[in-house]
Amino acid sequence: MKVPPLILASASPRRAALLRQLDVDFQVISTGPKEIIDEQLSPRELCQLNAHHKARSVAKKNPDALVLGADTLVFLEGKVFGKPADLDDATRMLLELQGRTHQVVTGVSLIHLRRHSERLFAVGTDVTFLALGEQQVRNYLEKISPLDKAGAYAVQQHGELIVSEIFGSYSNVIGLPLEQVRAELEAWMKT
């Protein structure tokens, strides 16, 4: 796929690995803006806003590149589950999610400043957790590093221990909805 110079505005190794699956050349520049958590915004609005801030901060220094920013958060009944502060917070999050269906939303911003163009979208995926006890949660947390993951879990790392079903994009739960990103990049090539 041939696109303008592409920059992934993210320090997430998971997003970089996913983007490589699309067979595009890109470089990674991690971003500086702090993520906003505002429960007055809808899940999609919040993730899109954070994705926009990340992409724009990198695009300002790289106006001739197409910059991709993304932000993924977990939501349960309007409550935001970002990255846990510590292992106790991770345990609390997983126990709250256990046995229930929550939504994983990723907002994506594609910005090309020189062309004055931005495409902003969000994808939601429903994830149902198994009914888990405290020991099962502790066992799972011993197998992963949850502190850099929204909702304190990684579906691609021993997800079978906690996840019952996924409805929607699997790659979205990891951090980048590849199906939609591919379509957007293909559309970009036609402009």
N, C-alpha and C. Protein backbone atom coordinates (compact mmCIF):
# COMPACT_ATOMS: atom_id res chain seq x y z
N MET A 1 0.85 -1.18 0.00
CA MET A 1 0.00 0.00 0.00
C MET A 1 0.90 1.24 0.00
N LYS A 2 0.66 2.18 -0.92
CA LYS A 2 1.48 3.38 -1.04
C LYS A 2 0.72 4.59 -0.51
N VAL A 3 1.23 5.18 0.55
CA VAL A 3 0.63 6.37 1.14
C VAL A 3 1.75 7.40 1.32
N PRO A 4 1.40 8.68 1.60
CA PRO A 4 2.46 9.65 1.91
C PRO A 4 3.28 9.14 3.09
N PRO A 5 4.44 9.76 3.37
CA PRO A 5 5.19 9.33 4.54
C PRO A 5 4.24 9.22 5.74
N LEU A 6 4.23 8.07 6.37
CA LEU A 6 3.29 7.79 7.44
C LEU A 6 4.03 7.74 8.77
N ILE A 7 3.44 8.40 9.77
CA ILE A 7 4.00 8.39 11.12
C ILE A 7 2.93 7.86 12.06
N LEU A 8 3.31 6.90 12.88
CA LEU A 8 2.43 6.42 13.95
C LEU A 8 2.78 7.22 15.20
N ALA A 9 1.82 8.01 15.66
CA ALA A 9 2.03 8.87 16.84
C ALA A 9 1.66 8.08 18.08
N SER A 10 2.50 7.11 18.42
CA SER A 10 2.20 6.24 19.55
C SER A 10 3.46 5.52 20.01
N ALA A 11 3.57 5.34 21.31
CA ALA A 11 4.68 4.55 21.86
C ALA A 11 4.29 3.09 22.02
N SER A 12 3.06 2.74 21.64
CA SER A 12 2.57 1.38 21.85
C SER A 12 3.20 0.38 20.88
N PRO A 13 3.94 -0.59 21.39
CA PRO A 13 4.49 -1.61 20.50
C PRO A 13 3.38 -2.46 19.87
N ARG A 14 2.25 -2.56 20.54
CA ARG A 14 1.13 -3.34 19.99
C ARG A 14 0.56 -2.65 18.75
N ARG A 15 0.40 -1.33 18.80
CA ARG A 15 -0.11 -0.60 17.62
C ARG A 15 0.87 -0.71 16.46
N ALA A 16 2.15 -0.58 16.74
CA ALA A 16 3.16 -0.69 15.67
C ALA A 16 3.10 -2.08 15.03
N ALA A 17 2.99 -3.12 15.85
CA ALA A 17 2.92 -4.49 15.31
C ALA A 17 1.66 -4.67 14.46
N LEU A 18 0.56 -4.11 14.91
CA LEU A 18 -0.68 -4.20 14.12
C LEU A 18 -0.53 -3.47 12.79
N LEU A 19 0.00 -2.25 12.82
CA LEU A 19 0.14 -1.45 11.60
C LEU A 19 1.06 -2.14 10.59
N ARG A 20 2.08 -2.85 11.06
CA ARG A 20 2.97 -3.59 10.17
C ARG A 20 2.20 -4.64 9.35
N GLN A 21 1.10 -5.14 9.90
CA GLN A 21 0.30 -6.14 9.19
C GLN A 21 -0.33 -5.57 7.92
N LEU A 22 -0.42 -4.25 7.81
CA LEU A 22 -1.02 -3.63 6.62
C LEU A 22 0.00 -3.41 5.51
N ASP A 23 1.23 -3.80 5.75
CA ASP A 23 2.29 -3.70 4.75
C ASP A 23 2.48 -2.26 4.27
N VAL A 24 2.56 -1.34 5.25
CA VAL A 24 2.85 0.06 4.95
C VAL A 24 4.15 0.45 5.64
N ASP A 25 4.88 1.33 4.99
CA ASP A 25 6.09 1.87 5.61
C ASP A 25 5.69 3.01 6.53
N PHE A 26 6.24 3.02 7.73
CA PHE A 26 5.94 4.09 8.66
C PHE A 26 7.07 4.21 9.66
N GLN A 27 7.09 5.34 10.32
CA GLN A 27 8.01 5.52 11.44
C GLN A 27 7.17 5.80 12.68
N VAL A 28 7.76 5.59 13.82
CA VAL A 28 7.07 5.80 15.09
C VAL A 28 7.66 7.02 15.77
N ILE A 29 6.78 7.93 16.16
CA ILE A 29 7.18 9.07 16.99
C ILE A 29 6.20 9.10 18.15
N SER A 30 6.71 8.90 19.34
CA SER A 30 5.79 8.87 20.47
C SER A 30 5.38 10.29 20.82
N THR A 31 4.20 10.39 21.41
CA THR A 31 3.57 11.69 21.63
C THR A 31 3.72 12.16 23.06
N GLY A 32 3.48 13.45 23.25
CA GLY A 32 3.61 14.03 24.57
C GLY A 32 2.32 14.33 25.29
N PRO A 33 1.21 14.62 24.58
CA PRO A 33 0.02 15.09 25.31
C PRO A 33 -0.52 14.05 26.28
N LYS A 34 -0.92 14.53 27.43
CA LYS A 34 -1.54 13.65 28.43
C LYS A 34 -2.95 13.33 27.98
N GLU A 35 -3.34 12.07 28.17
CA GLU A 35 -4.69 11.66 27.77
C GLU A 35 -5.73 12.30 28.67
N ILE A 36 -6.82 12.71 28.07
CA ILE A 36 -7.92 13.34 28.78
C ILE A 36 -8.92 12.26 29.19
N ILE A 37 -9.38 12.33 30.42
CA ILE A 37 -10.48 11.47 30.88
C ILE A 37 -11.60 12.41 31.32
N ASP A 38 -12.68 12.43 30.55
CA ASP A 38 -13.80 13.31 30.84
C ASP A 38 -15.08 12.50 30.66
N GLU A 39 -15.69 12.12 31.76
CA GLU A 39 -16.86 11.25 31.68
C GLU A 39 -18.10 11.98 31.17
N GLN A 40 -17.98 13.29 30.88
CA GLN A 40 -19.08 14.02 30.25
C GLN A 40 -19.15 13.73 28.75
N LEU A 41 -18.02 13.26 28.18
CA LEU A 41 -17.98 12.93 26.76
C LEU A 41 -18.38 11.48 26.55
N SER A 42 -18.93 11.20 25.39
CA SER A 42 -19.25 9.80 25.06
C SER A 42 -17.94 9.05 24.85
N PRO A 43 -17.96 7.71 24.92
CA PRO A 43 -16.73 6.94 24.68
C PRO A 43 -16.08 7.29 23.34
N ARG A 44 -16.88 7.38 22.30
CA ARG A 44 -16.32 7.69 20.98
C ARG A 44 -15.71 9.09 20.95
N GLU A 45 -16.42 10.07 21.52
CA GLU A 45 -15.90 11.44 21.54
C GLU A 45 -14.58 11.52 22.31
N LEU A 46 -14.52 10.87 23.44
CA LEU A 46 -13.33 10.91 24.28
C LEU A 46 -12.13 10.29 23.57
N CYS A 47 -12.31 9.12 22.98
CA CYS A 47 -11.20 8.46 22.27
C CYS A 47 -10.78 9.24 21.03
N GLN A 48 -11.75 9.82 20.32
CA GLN A 48 -11.41 10.62 19.14
C GLN A 48 -10.64 11.88 19.55
N LEU A 49 -11.06 12.51 20.62
CA LEU A 49 -10.38 13.72 21.11
C LEU A 49 -8.92 13.40 21.47
N ASN A 50 -8.71 12.32 22.22
CA ASN A 50 -7.34 11.93 22.58
C ASN A 50 -6.52 11.56 21.35
N ALA A 51 -7.11 10.84 20.40
CA ALA A 51 -6.40 10.47 19.17
C ALA A 51 -6.01 11.73 18.39
N HIS A 52 -6.92 12.70 18.32
CA HIS A 52 -6.65 13.95 17.62
C HIS A 52 -5.47 14.69 18.27
N HIS A 53 -5.48 14.80 19.60
CA HIS A 53 -4.38 15.50 20.30
C HIS A 53 -3.04 14.83 20.04
N LYS A 54 -3.02 13.50 20.06
CA LYS A 54 -1.77 12.78 19.81
C LYS A 54 -1.27 13.02 18.39
N ALA A 55 -2.17 12.87 17.42
CA ALA A 55 -1.77 13.03 16.01
C ALA A 55 -1.35 14.47 15.73
N ARG A 56 -2.10 15.42 16.23
CA ARG A 56 -1.81 16.83 15.95
C ARG A 56 -0.46 17.26 16.54
N SER A 57 -0.14 16.76 17.73
CA SER A 57 1.14 17.16 18.33
C SER A 57 2.33 16.70 17.49
N VAL A 58 2.21 15.56 16.86
CA VAL A 58 3.28 15.06 15.98
C VAL A 58 3.21 15.74 14.61
N ALA A 59 1.99 15.95 14.11
CA ALA A 59 1.82 16.56 12.78
C ALA A 59 2.37 17.98 12.73
N LYS A 60 2.30 18.71 13.84
CA LYS A 60 2.83 20.08 13.87
C LYS A 60 4.31 20.12 13.51
N LYS A 61 5.05 19.09 13.88
CA LYS A 61 6.49 19.02 13.60
C LYS A 61 6.78 18.29 12.29
N ASN A 62 5.74 17.66 11.70
CA ASN A 62 5.91 16.87 10.48
C ASN A 62 4.74 17.16 9.53
N PRO A 63 4.62 18.40 9.03
CA PRO A 63 3.42 18.80 8.28
C PRO A 63 3.24 18.10 6.93
N ASP A 64 4.30 17.50 6.40
CA ASP A 64 4.18 16.82 5.10
C ASP A 64 3.89 15.33 5.23
N ALA A 65 3.78 14.86 6.44
CA ALA A 65 3.52 13.43 6.67
C ALA A 65 2.04 13.21 6.99
N LEU A 66 1.61 12.02 6.76
CA LEU A 66 0.29 11.58 7.23
C LEU A 66 0.52 10.97 8.60
N VAL A 67 -0.11 11.54 9.61
CA VAL A 67 0.13 11.11 11.00
C VAL A 67 -1.10 10.38 11.51
N LEU A 68 -0.86 9.21 12.08
CA LEU A 68 -1.93 8.40 12.65
C LEU A 68 -1.80 8.40 14.17
N GLY A 69 -2.82 8.91 14.83
CA GLY A 69 -2.89 8.89 16.28
C GLY A 69 -4.05 8.00 16.69
N ALA A 70 -3.93 7.29 17.79
CA ALA A 70 -5.00 6.41 18.26
C ALA A 70 -5.06 6.43 19.77
N ASP A 71 -6.25 6.19 20.28
CA ASP A 71 -6.44 6.10 21.72
C ASP A 71 -7.49 5.04 21.99
N THR A 72 -7.18 4.12 22.90
CA THR A 72 -8.08 3.02 23.23
C THR A 72 -8.43 3.09 24.71
N LEU A 73 -9.72 2.99 24.99
CA LEU A 73 -10.19 2.95 26.37
C LEU A 73 -11.27 1.88 26.51
N VAL A 74 -11.45 1.44 27.73
CA VAL A 74 -12.48 0.45 28.07
C VAL A 74 -13.59 1.18 28.81
N PHE A 75 -14.82 0.86 28.47
CA PHE A 75 -15.99 1.50 29.09
C PHE A 75 -16.97 0.44 29.57
N LEU A 76 -17.49 0.64 30.75
CA LEU A 76 -18.54 -0.22 31.30
C LEU A 76 -19.60 0.69 31.90
N GLU A 77 -20.78 0.67 31.30
CA GLU A 77 -21.91 1.47 31.79
C GLU A 77 -21.51 2.92 32.05
N GLY A 78 -20.80 3.52 31.11
CA GLY A 78 -20.42 4.92 31.21
C GLY A 78 -19.16 5.19 32.01
N LYS A 79 -18.64 4.20 32.70
CA LYS A 79 -17.42 4.38 33.48
C LYS A 79 -16.20 4.08 32.61
N VAL A 80 -15.19 4.94 32.72
CA VAL A 80 -13.97 4.82 31.93
C VAL A 80 -12.94 3.97 32.68
N PHE A 81 -12.37 3.00 31.99
CA PHE A 81 -11.28 2.19 32.53
C PHE A 81 -10.05 2.47 31.67
N GLY A 82 -9.19 3.35 32.17
CA GLY A 82 -7.95 3.65 31.48
C GLY A 82 -6.87 2.68 31.92
N LYS A 83 -5.64 3.17 31.94
CA LYS A 83 -4.52 2.35 32.39
C LYS A 83 -4.50 2.34 33.91
N PRO A 84 -4.32 1.17 34.52
CA PRO A 84 -4.31 1.11 35.98
C PRO A 84 -3.08 1.79 36.57
N ALA A 85 -3.26 2.35 37.76
CA ALA A 85 -2.17 3.04 38.46
C ALA A 85 -1.16 2.05 39.03
N ASP A 86 -1.65 0.89 39.45
CA ASP A 86 -0.78 -0.13 40.06
C ASP A 86 -1.51 -1.48 39.99
N LEU A 87 -0.90 -2.51 40.56
CA LEU A 87 -1.51 -3.86 40.49
C LEU A 87 -2.81 -3.96 41.27
N ASP A 88 -2.94 -3.21 42.35
CA ASP A 88 -4.20 -3.21 43.09
C ASP A 88 -5.31 -2.61 42.23
N ASP A 89 -4.99 -1.55 41.52
CA ASP A 89 -5.97 -0.92 40.63
C ASP A 89 -6.32 -1.87 39.48
N ALA A 90 -5.33 -2.58 38.96
CA ALA A 90 -5.57 -3.56 37.89
C ALA A 90 -6.50 -4.67 38.38
N THR A 91 -6.26 -5.15 39.59
CA THR A 91 -7.11 -6.19 40.18
C THR A 91 -8.54 -5.68 40.33
N ARG A 92 -8.68 -4.46 40.83
CA ARG A 92 -10.00 -3.87 41.00
C ARG A 92 -10.74 -3.78 39.66
N MET A 93 -10.03 -3.33 38.63
CA MET A 93 -10.65 -3.20 37.30
C MET A 93 -11.15 -4.55 36.78
N LEU A 94 -10.28 -5.54 36.83
CA LEU A 94 -10.66 -6.85 36.29
C LEU A 94 -11.81 -7.47 37.07
N LEU A 95 -11.82 -7.28 38.38
CA LEU A 95 -12.93 -7.81 39.19
C LEU A 95 -14.24 -7.09 38.86
N GLU A 96 -14.14 -5.81 38.53
CA GLU A 96 -15.34 -5.07 38.16
C GLU A 96 -15.85 -5.49 36.78
N LEU A 97 -14.95 -5.85 35.88
CA LEU A 97 -15.33 -6.26 34.53
C LEU A 97 -15.76 -7.72 34.46
N GLN A 98 -15.36 -8.52 35.41
CA GLN A 98 -15.60 -9.97 35.35
C GLN A 98 -17.08 -10.30 35.22
N GLY A 99 -17.37 -11.27 34.34
CA GLY A 99 -18.73 -11.74 34.15
C GLY A 99 -19.64 -10.77 33.41
N ARG A 100 -19.10 -9.69 32.88
CA ARG A 100 -19.91 -8.65 32.24
C ARG A 100 -19.40 -8.34 30.83
N THR A 101 -20.24 -7.67 30.07
CA THR A 101 -19.85 -7.22 28.74
C THR A 101 -19.52 -5.73 28.81
N HIS A 102 -18.35 -5.39 28.34
CA HIS A 102 -17.94 -3.99 28.29
C HIS A 102 -17.60 -3.64 26.85
N GLN A 103 -17.33 -2.37 26.61
CA GLN A 103 -16.98 -1.93 25.27
C GLN A 103 -15.55 -1.39 25.26
N VAL A 104 -14.81 -1.82 24.24
CA VAL A 104 -13.48 -1.28 23.97
C VAL A 104 -13.63 -0.35 22.77
N VAL A 105 -13.26 0.91 22.96
CA VAL A 105 -13.38 1.91 21.90
C VAL A 105 -11.99 2.43 21.56
N THR A 106 -11.70 2.47 20.27
CA THR A 106 -10.46 3.10 19.80
C THR A 106 -10.84 4.25 18.89
N GLY A 107 -10.35 5.42 19.23
CA GLY A 107 -10.48 6.59 18.37
C GLY A 107 -9.24 6.68 17.52
N VAL A 108 -9.40 7.05 16.25
CA VAL A 108 -8.27 7.16 15.33
C VAL A 108 -8.35 8.51 14.62
N SER A 109 -7.21 9.16 14.52
CA SER A 109 -7.08 10.42 13.79
C SER A 109 -5.98 10.26 12.75
N LEU A 110 -6.31 10.57 11.50
CA LEU A 110 -5.33 10.62 10.43
C LEU A 110 -5.25 12.08 9.99
N ILE A 111 -4.11 12.71 10.20
CA ILE A 111 -3.94 14.14 9.90
C ILE A 111 -2.79 14.35 8.92
N HIS A 112 -3.04 15.17 7.92
CA HIS A 112 -1.99 15.67 7.03
C HIS A 112 -2.11 17.19 7.04
N LEU A 113 -1.26 17.85 7.80
CA LEU A 113 -1.39 19.30 7.99
C LEU A 113 -1.20 20.09 6.69
N ARG A 114 -0.24 19.70 5.87
CA ARG A 114 0.02 20.46 4.64
C ARG A 114 -1.21 20.46 3.74
N ARG A 115 -1.94 19.36 3.74
CA ARG A 115 -3.16 19.27 2.92
C ARG A 115 -4.40 19.77 3.67
N HIS A 116 -4.23 20.18 4.91
CA HIS A 116 -5.36 20.63 5.74
C HIS A 116 -6.45 19.56 5.77
N SER A 117 -6.03 18.34 6.03
CA SER A 117 -6.97 17.23 5.97
C SER A 117 -6.87 16.38 7.24
N GLU A 118 -8.03 16.00 7.75
CA GLU A 118 -8.07 15.08 8.89
C GLU A 118 -9.26 14.15 8.72
N ARG A 119 -9.05 12.91 9.03
CA ARG A 119 -10.12 11.92 9.08
C ARG A 119 -10.14 11.39 10.51
N LEU A 120 -11.28 11.51 11.16
CA LEU A 120 -11.43 11.14 12.57
C LEU A 120 -12.56 10.13 12.67
N PHE A 121 -12.30 8.99 13.33
CA PHE A 121 -13.35 7.99 13.50
C PHE A 121 -13.08 7.18 14.76
N ALA A 122 -14.07 6.42 15.16
CA ALA A 122 -13.93 5.54 16.33
C ALA A 122 -14.62 4.21 16.03
N VAL A 123 -14.05 3.16 16.59
CA VAL A 123 -14.60 1.81 16.43
C VAL A 123 -14.81 1.22 17.81
N GLY A 124 -15.96 0.60 18.00
CA GLY A 124 -16.27 -0.05 19.27
C GLY A 124 -16.38 -1.55 19.11
N THR A 125 -15.91 -2.28 20.10
CA THR A 125 -15.99 -3.74 20.13
C THR A 125 -16.50 -4.15 21.50
N ASP A 126 -17.49 -5.04 21.51
CA ASP A 126 -18.00 -5.56 22.78
C ASP A 126 -17.20 -6.78 23.21
N VAL A 127 -16.79 -6.78 24.46
CA VAL A 127 -16.00 -7.88 25.02
C VAL A 127 -16.70 -8.38 26.27
N THR A 128 -16.96 -9.69 26.33
CA THR A 128 -17.58 -10.29 27.50
C THR A 128 -16.53 -11.09 28.25
N PHE A 129 -16.41 -10.79 29.53
CA PHE A 129 -15.47 -11.51 30.39
C PHE A 129 -16.12 -12.75 30.99
N LEU A 130 -15.30 -13.72 31.27
CA LEU A 130 -15.73 -14.87 32.05
C LEU A 130 -16.02 -14.42 33.48
N ALA A 131 -16.80 -15.21 34.20
CA ALA A 131 -16.97 -14.97 35.64
C ALA A 131 -15.66 -15.37 36.31
N LEU A 132 -15.02 -14.43 36.96
CA LEU A 132 -13.69 -14.66 37.53
C LEU A 132 -13.69 -14.42 39.03
N GLY A 133 -12.93 -15.23 39.72
CA GLY A 133 -12.71 -15.01 41.14
C GLY A 133 -11.42 -14.24 41.33
N GLU A 134 -11.18 -13.82 42.55
CA GLU A 134 -9.99 -13.02 42.85
C GLU A 134 -8.70 -13.78 42.52
N GLN A 135 -8.66 -15.07 42.80
CA GLN A 135 -7.45 -15.85 42.51
C GLN A 135 -7.21 -15.97 41.00
N GLN A 136 -8.27 -16.13 40.23
CA GLN A 136 -8.12 -16.19 38.78
C GLN A 136 -7.59 -14.87 38.23
N VAL A 137 -8.05 -13.76 38.78
CA VAL A 137 -7.56 -12.45 38.35
C VAL A 137 -6.08 -12.31 38.71
N ARG A 138 -5.71 -12.71 39.92
CA ARG A 138 -4.29 -12.63 40.31
C ARG A 138 -3.42 -13.50 39.40
N ASN A 139 -3.89 -14.71 39.10
CA ASN A 139 -3.14 -15.61 38.21
C ASN A 139 -2.94 -14.97 36.83
N TYR A 140 -3.99 -14.34 36.32
CA TYR A 140 -3.88 -13.69 35.02
C TYR A 140 -2.87 -12.53 35.08
N LEU A 141 -2.96 -11.72 36.12
CA LEU A 141 -2.07 -10.56 36.23
C LEU A 141 -0.61 -10.97 36.41
N GLU A 142 -0.36 -12.17 36.90
CA GLU A 142 1.02 -12.66 37.01
C GLU A 142 1.60 -12.99 35.64
N LYS A 143 0.74 -13.20 34.65
CA LYS A 143 1.18 -13.60 33.31
C LYS A 143 1.40 -12.42 32.36
N ILE A 144 0.87 -11.25 32.70
CA ILE A 144 1.00 -10.08 31.81
C ILE A 144 1.50 -8.88 32.60
N SER A 145 1.78 -7.81 31.86
CA SER A 145 2.13 -6.53 32.48
C SER A 145 0.97 -5.58 32.20
N PRO A 146 0.06 -5.38 33.16
CA PRO A 146 -1.18 -4.65 32.89
C PRO A 146 -1.10 -3.13 32.96
N LEU A 147 -0.01 -2.58 33.44
CA LEU A 147 0.01 -1.15 33.77
C LEU A 147 -0.03 -0.21 32.56
N ASP A 148 0.27 -0.72 31.37
CA ASP A 148 0.21 0.14 30.18
C ASP A 148 -0.97 -0.21 29.28
N LYS A 149 -1.98 -0.87 29.86
CA LYS A 149 -3.11 -1.34 29.06
C LYS A 149 -4.44 -0.84 29.62
N ALA A 150 -5.24 -0.24 28.76
CA ALA A 150 -6.57 0.19 29.18
C ALA A 150 -7.37 -1.01 29.66
N GLY A 151 -8.00 -0.86 30.81
CA GLY A 151 -8.78 -1.96 31.37
C GLY A 151 -7.94 -3.02 32.05
N ALA A 152 -6.63 -2.86 32.05
CA ALA A 152 -5.69 -3.76 32.75
C ALA A 152 -5.59 -5.15 32.15
N TYR A 153 -5.91 -5.28 30.84
CA TYR A 153 -5.76 -6.60 30.23
C TYR A 153 -5.31 -6.48 28.78
N ALA A 154 -4.79 -7.60 28.29
CA ALA A 154 -4.35 -7.70 26.90
C ALA A 154 -4.97 -8.96 26.32
N VAL A 155 -5.94 -8.79 25.44
CA VAL A 155 -6.65 -9.94 24.90
C VAL A 155 -5.72 -10.89 24.16
N GLN A 156 -4.62 -10.36 23.60
CA GLN A 156 -3.68 -11.18 22.84
C GLN A 156 -2.70 -11.94 23.75
N GLN A 157 -2.72 -11.63 25.03
CA GLN A 157 -1.84 -12.32 25.98
C GLN A 157 -2.70 -13.07 26.99
N HIS A 158 -2.86 -14.34 26.76
CA HIS A 158 -3.64 -15.20 27.66
C HIS A 158 -5.08 -14.72 27.82
N GLY A 159 -5.62 -14.12 26.79
CA GLY A 159 -6.99 -13.64 26.81
C GLY A 159 -8.01 -14.73 27.09
N GLU A 160 -7.65 -15.94 26.70
CA GLU A 160 -8.56 -17.07 26.93
C GLU A 160 -8.83 -17.31 28.41
N LEU A 161 -7.98 -16.79 29.28
CA LEU A 161 -8.18 -16.95 30.72
C LEU A 161 -9.23 -16.00 31.28
N ILE A 162 -9.54 -14.94 30.53
CA ILE A 162 -10.48 -13.95 31.07
C ILE A 162 -11.65 -13.62 30.15
N VAL A 163 -11.47 -13.84 28.83
CA VAL A 163 -12.48 -13.41 27.86
C VAL A 163 -13.35 -14.58 27.42
N SER A 164 -14.65 -14.34 27.45
CA SER A 164 -15.62 -15.34 26.99
C SER A 164 -15.94 -15.14 25.50
N GLU A 165 -16.26 -13.89 25.10
CA GLU A 165 -16.63 -13.61 23.71
C GLU A 165 -16.21 -12.21 23.31
N ILE A 166 -15.97 -12.05 22.00
CA ILE A 166 -15.68 -10.75 21.42
C ILE A 166 -16.63 -10.54 20.25
N PHE A 167 -17.31 -9.41 20.25
CA PHE A 167 -18.23 -9.06 19.17
C PHE A 167 -17.69 -7.82 18.48
N GLY A 168 -17.09 -8.02 17.30
CA GLY A 168 -16.51 -6.90 16.56
C GLY A 168 -15.05 -7.15 16.27
N SER A 169 -14.33 -6.08 16.06
CA SER A 169 -12.93 -6.13 15.64
C SER A 169 -12.01 -6.58 16.78
N TYR A 170 -11.34 -7.71 16.56
CA TYR A 170 -10.36 -8.22 17.52
C TYR A 170 -9.17 -7.26 17.62
N SER A 171 -8.68 -6.78 16.47
CA SER A 171 -7.51 -5.89 16.49
C SER A 171 -7.83 -4.58 17.21
N ASN A 172 -9.10 -4.17 17.19
CA ASN A 172 -9.50 -2.98 17.92
C ASN A 172 -9.27 -3.14 19.41
N VAL A 173 -9.52 -4.34 19.93
CA VAL A 173 -9.33 -4.60 21.36
C VAL A 173 -7.84 -4.52 21.71
N ILE A 174 -6.99 -4.86 20.77
CA ILE A 174 -5.54 -4.75 20.99
C ILE A 174 -5.09 -3.30 20.93
N GLY A 175 -5.77 -2.48 20.12
CA GLY A 175 -5.41 -1.06 20.09
C GLY A 175 -5.48 -0.35 18.76
N LEU A 176 -5.86 -1.06 17.68
CA LEU A 176 -5.97 -0.40 16.38
C LEU A 176 -6.93 -1.21 15.50
N PRO A 177 -8.05 -0.61 15.09
CA PRO A 177 -9.01 -1.34 14.26
C PRO A 177 -8.51 -1.45 12.82
N LEU A 178 -7.78 -2.53 12.53
CA LEU A 178 -7.10 -2.66 11.24
C LEU A 178 -8.02 -2.59 10.05
N GLU A 179 -9.21 -3.15 10.15
CA GLU A 179 -10.12 -3.16 9.01
C GLU A 179 -10.45 -1.72 8.58
N GLN A 180 -10.79 -0.88 9.54
CA GLN A 180 -11.14 0.50 9.25
C GLN A 180 -9.91 1.32 8.85
N VAL A 181 -8.78 1.09 9.52
CA VAL A 181 -7.55 1.82 9.17
C VAL A 181 -7.14 1.49 7.74
N ARG A 182 -7.23 0.21 7.35
CA ARG A 182 -6.89 -0.17 5.97
C ARG A 182 -7.78 0.58 4.98
N ALA A 183 -9.08 0.61 5.24
CA ALA A 183 -10.02 1.29 4.34
C ALA A 183 -9.70 2.78 4.25
N GLU A 184 -9.37 3.39 5.38
CA GLU A 184 -9.05 4.82 5.38
C GLU A 184 -7.76 5.11 4.61
N LEU A 185 -6.75 4.26 4.79
CA LEU A 185 -5.49 4.47 4.06
C LEU A 185 -5.69 4.26 2.56
N GLU A 186 -6.51 3.28 2.19
CA GLU A 186 -6.81 3.07 0.77
C GLU A 186 -7.54 4.27 0.19
N ALA A 187 -8.48 4.84 0.94
CA ALA A 187 -9.19 6.04 0.49
C ALA A 187 -8.22 7.21 0.36
N TRP A 188 -7.25 7.29 1.28
CA TRP A 188 -6.28 8.38 1.24
C TRP A 188 -5.45 8.32 -0.04
N MET A 189 -5.13 7.12 -0.48
CA MET A 189 -4.32 6.96 -1.70
C MET A 189 -5.06 7.49 -2.93
N LYS A 190 -6.38 7.52 -2.90
CA LYS A 190 -7.17 7.97 -4.04
C LYS A 190 -7.34 9.48 -4.09
N THR A 191 -6.93 10.18 -3.00
CA THR A 191 -7.12 11.64 -2.99
C THR A 191 -5.90 12.36 -3.52
